[in-house]
Protein backbone atom coordinates (compact mmCIF):
# COMPACT_ATOMS: atom_id res chain seq x y z
CA MET A 1 5.88 9.41 -13.17
CA ALA A 2 2.54 10.01 -11.33
CA THR A 3 2.47 11.80 -7.98
CA LYS A 4 2.41 9.28 -5.10
CA GLY A 5 -1.07 8.41 -4.07
CA ASP A 6 -2.47 9.55 -7.59
CA TRP A 7 -4.32 6.54 -9.07
CA SER A 8 -6.18 8.63 -11.51
CA SER A 9 -4.80 6.38 -14.35
CA HIS A 10 -5.52 3.14 -12.62
CA ASP A 11 -8.52 1.22 -13.77
CA ASN A 12 -10.02 1.02 -10.28
CA LYS A 13 -9.09 4.82 -9.61
CA LYS A 14 -9.24 4.06 -5.81
CA TYR A 15 -8.14 1.21 -3.65
CA ILE A 16 -11.10 -0.71 -2.37
CA GLY A 17 -10.53 -3.10 0.63
CA LYS A 18 -10.85 -3.60 4.31
CA LEU A 19 -7.96 -1.19 5.26
CA ASP A 20 -9.07 2.41 5.51
CA ARG A 21 -5.97 4.36 6.74
CA ILE A 22 -2.52 3.49 7.66
CA TYR A 23 -1.06 4.91 10.86
CA VAL A 24 2.36 6.19 10.57
CA SER A 25 2.35 7.59 14.09
CA THR A 26 -0.14 8.65 16.62
CA THR A 27 -0.56 11.91 14.67
CA GLU A 28 -0.08 10.90 10.90
CA SER A 29 -1.84 8.56 8.72
CA TYR A 30 -1.72 7.73 5.04
CA GLU A 31 -4.65 6.94 2.50
CA VAL A 32 -4.11 3.40 1.46
CA GLU A 33 -3.41 4.54 -2.00
CA TYR A 34 -0.47 6.70 -0.72
CA TYR A 35 0.74 3.86 1.57
CA ILE A 36 0.97 1.46 -1.56
CA ASP A 37 3.05 3.99 -3.49
CA HIS A 38 5.11 4.72 -0.68
CA TYR A 39 5.69 1.13 0.04
CA LEU A 40 6.75 0.50 -3.69
CA GLU A 41 9.13 3.48 -3.75
CA THR A 42 10.82 2.79 -0.49
CA HIS A 43 11.28 -0.93 -1.28
CA GLY A 44 12.88 -0.30 -4.80
CA PHE A 45 9.86 -1.31 -7.00
CA THR A 46 8.65 0.61 -9.84
CA VAL A 47 5.39 2.49 -9.16
CA ASN A 48 2.87 1.04 -11.76
CA ASN A 49 -0.69 -0.25 -11.85
CA HIS A 50 0.66 -3.86 -11.95
CA ASN A 51 2.75 -3.51 -8.90
CA ARG A 52 -0.05 -1.64 -7.12
CA ASP A 53 -2.42 -4.45 -7.71
CA VAL A 54 0.07 -7.02 -6.34
CA VAL A 55 0.48 -4.92 -3.08
CA ALA A 56 -3.26 -4.20 -2.88
CA ALA A 57 -3.99 -8.12 -3.18
CA SER A 58 -1.54 -8.81 -0.42
CA LEU A 59 -2.93 -6.23 1.81
CA ALA A 60 -6.53 -7.62 1.27
CA LYS A 61 -5.17 -10.93 2.96
CA TYR A 62 -3.68 -8.89 6.00
CA PRO A 63 -4.97 -10.68 9.14
CA GLY A 64 -4.61 -7.75 11.43
CA ARG A 65 -7.07 -5.35 12.96
CA ALA A 66 -7.50 -1.90 12.90
CA PRO A 67 -5.62 0.57 13.76
CA PHE A 68 -3.35 -0.61 10.86
CA LYS A 69 0.18 0.43 11.62
CA ARG A 70 2.82 1.11 8.81
CA VAL A 71 5.35 -0.71 10.44
CA ASP A 72 3.23 -3.88 10.90
CA LEU A 73 1.97 -3.73 7.33
CA ASP A 74 5.59 -3.49 5.98
CA ALA A 75 6.50 -6.49 8.12
CA TYR A 76 3.69 -8.32 6.67
CA LEU A 77 4.43 -7.53 3.07
CA GLU A 78 8.23 -7.79 3.08
CA PRO A 79 8.41 -11.62 2.73
CA ARG A 80 5.36 -11.64 0.48
CA ILE A 81 6.08 -9.11 -2.22
CA LYS A 82 9.45 -10.18 -4.16
CA LYS A 83 11.20 -8.72 -6.96
CA PRO A 84 11.11 -10.88 -10.21
């Protein structure tokens, strides 16, 4: 299993989109790649390139504005990302 946030085996190598950083608290933030892997792990999904692409595509449609908060993104993704 890859280290969380390590996308070196992913075709795109790096997330590209409107989100830059995800704020966990007033003093801590995640890179988007790390956040996607964290979301997958904490919600019981396998961390793989397909699942990363699904979450990244959903994040691209997120209607909110910066600063992007983890709790808001989690609430946005939860009804949209379902286990097969």
